[in-house]
Amino acid sequence: SDDSEMVDADGTEDGMADGESPHSDMDGQPQNRGNTEDAYRVYDTRFDEIVPAAELCDDDELDRLRLMLDRHMENVVSIVGKLANRLQRKLMAHQNRSWDFDLEEGILDAGRLHRVVTQPLSPLSYKMEQDTKFRDTVVTLLLDNSGSMRGRPITIAAVTA
């Protein structure tokens, strides 16, 4: 039979109960595996490896990958433009706008139209939008390069960056 269909006597595919890991005892508690100094810790940098990007592939592979990215870019340029416009609209929505009222010239102030009828000699029925400084905005993109991002999602992320 197929290996993927094998089920153990406890009803699970891997022989472990829910919440149990290969490194835990029957209570689900982590086992002390001897030397705790070499045990992996989540925020431990001892097991990290830093490799210069130039060592990851040769020039021919880099050229081939660049051509592939350029071909993919042709297909997703419109999507990237839409995403950029959507981000710009969201940022602009947070911009504070203010108006100067009771001016002699500018845009006719609909809220003060009654003045034009009741006080025709009063020219102060206009308004003008003030130029407000827009805050500088920095956008940081964190790209997920996991297996779930393969194909179109990682291509769009790469082109956007």
Protein backbone atom coordinates (compact mmCIF):
# COMPACT_ATOMS: atom_id res chain seq x y z
CA SER A 1 0.00 0.00 0.00
CA ASP A 2 0.96 3.66 -0.34
CA ASP A 3 3.14 5.09 2.48
CA SER A 4 1.01 8.25 2.70
CA GLU A 5 -1.99 6.15 3.70
CA MET A 6 -0.27 4.35 6.60
CA VAL A 7 -1.88 4.98 9.97
CA ASP A 8 -0.54 3.75 13.31
CA ALA A 9 -2.52 1.87 15.93
CA ASP A 10 -3.30 5.09 17.83
CA GLY A 11 -5.08 6.48 14.76
CA THR A 12 -2.45 9.03 13.80
CA GLU A 13 -0.23 8.97 10.76
CA ASP A 14 3.01 9.66 12.64
CA GLY A 15 2.40 7.58 15.76
CA MET A 16 2.32 10.65 18.02
CA ALA A 17 -0.66 11.92 19.97
CA ASP A 18 -1.94 15.47 19.47
CA GLY A 19 0.45 17.99 21.02
CA GLU A 20 3.29 15.49 21.16
CA SER A 21 6.54 16.15 19.32
CA PRO A 22 9.46 13.83 18.57
CA HIS A 23 11.43 15.57 21.34
CA SER A 24 8.79 15.40 24.08
CA ASP A 25 7.82 12.75 26.63
CA MET A 26 4.35 11.25 26.99
CA ASP A 27 3.12 14.33 28.90
CA GLY A 28 4.06 16.58 25.98
CA GLN A 29 6.92 18.13 27.98
CA PRO A 30 10.27 18.62 26.21
CA GLN A 31 12.83 15.97 27.06
CA ASN A 32 16.18 16.95 28.46
CA ARG A 33 18.45 15.70 25.71
CA GLY A 34 21.68 15.80 27.70
CA ASN A 35 23.93 18.73 26.84
CA THR A 36 21.70 21.80 27.11
CA GLU A 37 24.51 24.16 26.05
CA ASP A 38 24.30 22.91 22.45
CA ALA A 39 20.49 22.79 22.39
CA TYR A 40 18.89 24.99 19.80
CA ARG A 41 17.20 28.10 21.13
CA VAL A 42 14.79 30.20 19.11
CA TYR A 43 16.74 33.45 19.43
CA ASP A 44 20.19 31.92 19.30
CA THR A 45 22.53 33.10 16.54
CA ARG A 46 25.13 30.34 16.99
CA PHE A 47 23.49 28.26 14.27
CA ASP A 48 23.04 31.13 11.82
CA GLU A 49 25.09 31.16 8.66
CA ILE A 50 25.94 34.36 6.80
CA VAL A 51 26.78 33.84 3.15
CA PRO A 52 27.64 36.68 0.75
CA ALA A 53 25.12 36.85 -2.09
CA ALA A 54 27.90 36.52 -4.69
CA GLU A 55 28.64 33.01 -3.40
CA LEU A 56 25.07 31.76 -3.87
CA CYS A 57 25.28 31.43 -7.66
CA ASP A 58 27.67 32.08 -10.51
CA ASP A 59 27.32 34.84 -13.11
CA ASP A 60 25.62 32.59 -15.69
CA GLU A 61 22.97 31.54 -13.19
CA LEU A 62 22.50 35.17 -12.14
CA ASP A 63 21.99 36.22 -15.78
CA ARG A 64 19.49 33.40 -16.33
CA LEU A 65 17.55 34.35 -13.19
CA ARG A 66 17.54 38.01 -14.23
CA LEU A 67 16.10 37.15 -17.65
CA MET A 68 13.44 35.02 -15.97
CA LEU A 69 12.54 37.88 -13.61
CA ASP A 70 12.36 40.34 -16.51
CA ARG A 71 9.95 38.01 -18.35
CA HIS A 72 7.79 37.70 -15.25
CA MET A 73 7.85 41.47 -14.76
CA GLU A 74 6.12 41.99 -18.10
CA ASN A 75 3.15 40.01 -16.81
CA VAL A 76 2.81 41.68 -13.41
CA VAL A 77 3.65 45.33 -14.11
CA SER A 78 -0.03 46.30 -14.13
CA ILE A 79 -0.63 44.54 -10.80
CA VAL A 80 2.33 46.32 -9.22
CA GLY A 81 1.01 49.66 -10.49
CA LYS A 82 -2.39 48.93 -8.95
CA LEU A 83 -0.79 47.98 -5.64
CA ALA A 84 1.31 51.17 -5.67
CA ASN A 85 -1.76 53.32 -6.38
CA ARG A 86 -3.73 51.62 -3.62
CA LEU A 87 -0.90 52.25 -1.14
CA GLN A 88 -0.65 55.88 -2.23
CA ARG A 89 -4.41 56.39 -1.77
CA LYS A 90 -4.24 54.88 1.71
CA LEU A 91 -1.37 57.17 2.66
CA MET A 92 -3.09 60.23 1.19
CA ALA A 93 -6.26 59.41 3.17
CA HIS A 94 -4.29 60.05 6.35
CA GLN A 95 -3.22 63.51 5.19
CA ASN A 96 -4.80 66.28 7.23
CA ARG A 97 -6.53 68.92 5.13
CA SER A 98 -7.55 72.34 6.33
CA TRP A 99 -9.29 75.34 4.85
CA ASP A 100 -9.05 79.11 5.18
CA PHE A 101 -12.56 80.58 5.32
CA ASP A 102 -14.00 84.07 4.84
CA LEU A 103 -11.73 85.00 1.94
CA GLU A 104 -12.38 87.51 -0.84
CA GLU A 105 -11.37 85.02 -3.53
CA GLY A 106 -11.03 81.28 -3.88
CA ILE A 107 -13.62 78.51 -4.06
CA LEU A 108 -17.18 79.53 -3.33
CA ASP A 109 -18.01 78.33 0.19
CA ALA A 110 -21.35 76.49 -0.04
CA GLY A 111 -21.79 76.77 3.72
CA ARG A 112 -21.77 80.56 3.50
CA LEU A 113 -23.92 80.97 0.38
CA HIS A 114 -26.64 82.56 2.48
CA ARG A 115 -24.28 85.55 2.98
CA VAL A 116 -24.31 86.24 -0.76
CA VAL A 117 -28.09 86.68 -0.57
CA THR A 118 -28.40 88.36 2.84
CA GLN A 119 -25.24 90.51 2.66
CA PRO A 120 -24.41 91.03 -1.01
CA LEU A 121 -21.80 93.69 -0.18
CA SER A 122 -19.81 91.28 2.01
CA PRO A 123 -17.26 89.62 -0.29
CA LEU A 124 -16.11 87.10 2.34
CA SER A 125 -17.87 83.99 1.02
CA TYR A 126 -14.92 82.08 -0.36
CA LYS A 127 -12.57 79.45 0.97
CA MET A 128 -9.18 78.07 -0.04
CA GLU A 129 -7.47 74.84 0.93
CA GLN A 130 -4.29 75.33 2.91
CA ASP A 131 -1.18 73.59 1.76
CA THR A 132 -0.34 71.23 4.59
CA LYS A 133 2.96 69.50 4.81
CA PHE A 134 2.58 65.81 4.18
CA ARG A 135 4.55 63.64 6.55
CA ASP A 136 7.51 61.84 5.08
CA THR A 137 6.64 58.19 4.80
CA VAL A 138 8.96 55.22 4.73
CA VAL A 139 7.66 51.90 3.45
CA THR A 140 9.48 48.71 4.39
CA LEU A 141 8.75 45.50 2.55
CA LEU A 142 9.39 42.21 4.31
CA LEU A 143 9.39 39.43 1.74
CA ASP A 144 8.33 35.91 2.68
CA ASN A 145 10.45 33.52 0.63
CA SER A 146 8.96 30.33 2.05
CA GLY A 147 7.61 27.51 -0.08
CA SER A 148 4.06 28.83 0.19
CA MET A 149 5.11 31.89 -1.81
CA ARG A 150 6.28 29.99 -4.90
CA GLY A 151 5.11 31.05 -8.31
CA ARG A 152 3.15 34.22 -8.88
CA PRO A 153 3.10 35.54 -5.26
CA ILE A 154 6.90 35.64 -4.93
CA THR A 155 7.22 37.12 -8.42
CA ILE A 156 4.87 39.97 -7.53
CA ALA A 157 6.73 40.50 -4.25
CA ALA A 158 10.10 40.59 -6.04
CA VAL A 159 8.91 43.03 -8.69
CA THR A 160 7.28 45.24 -6.06
CA ALA A 161 10.48 45.42 -4.06
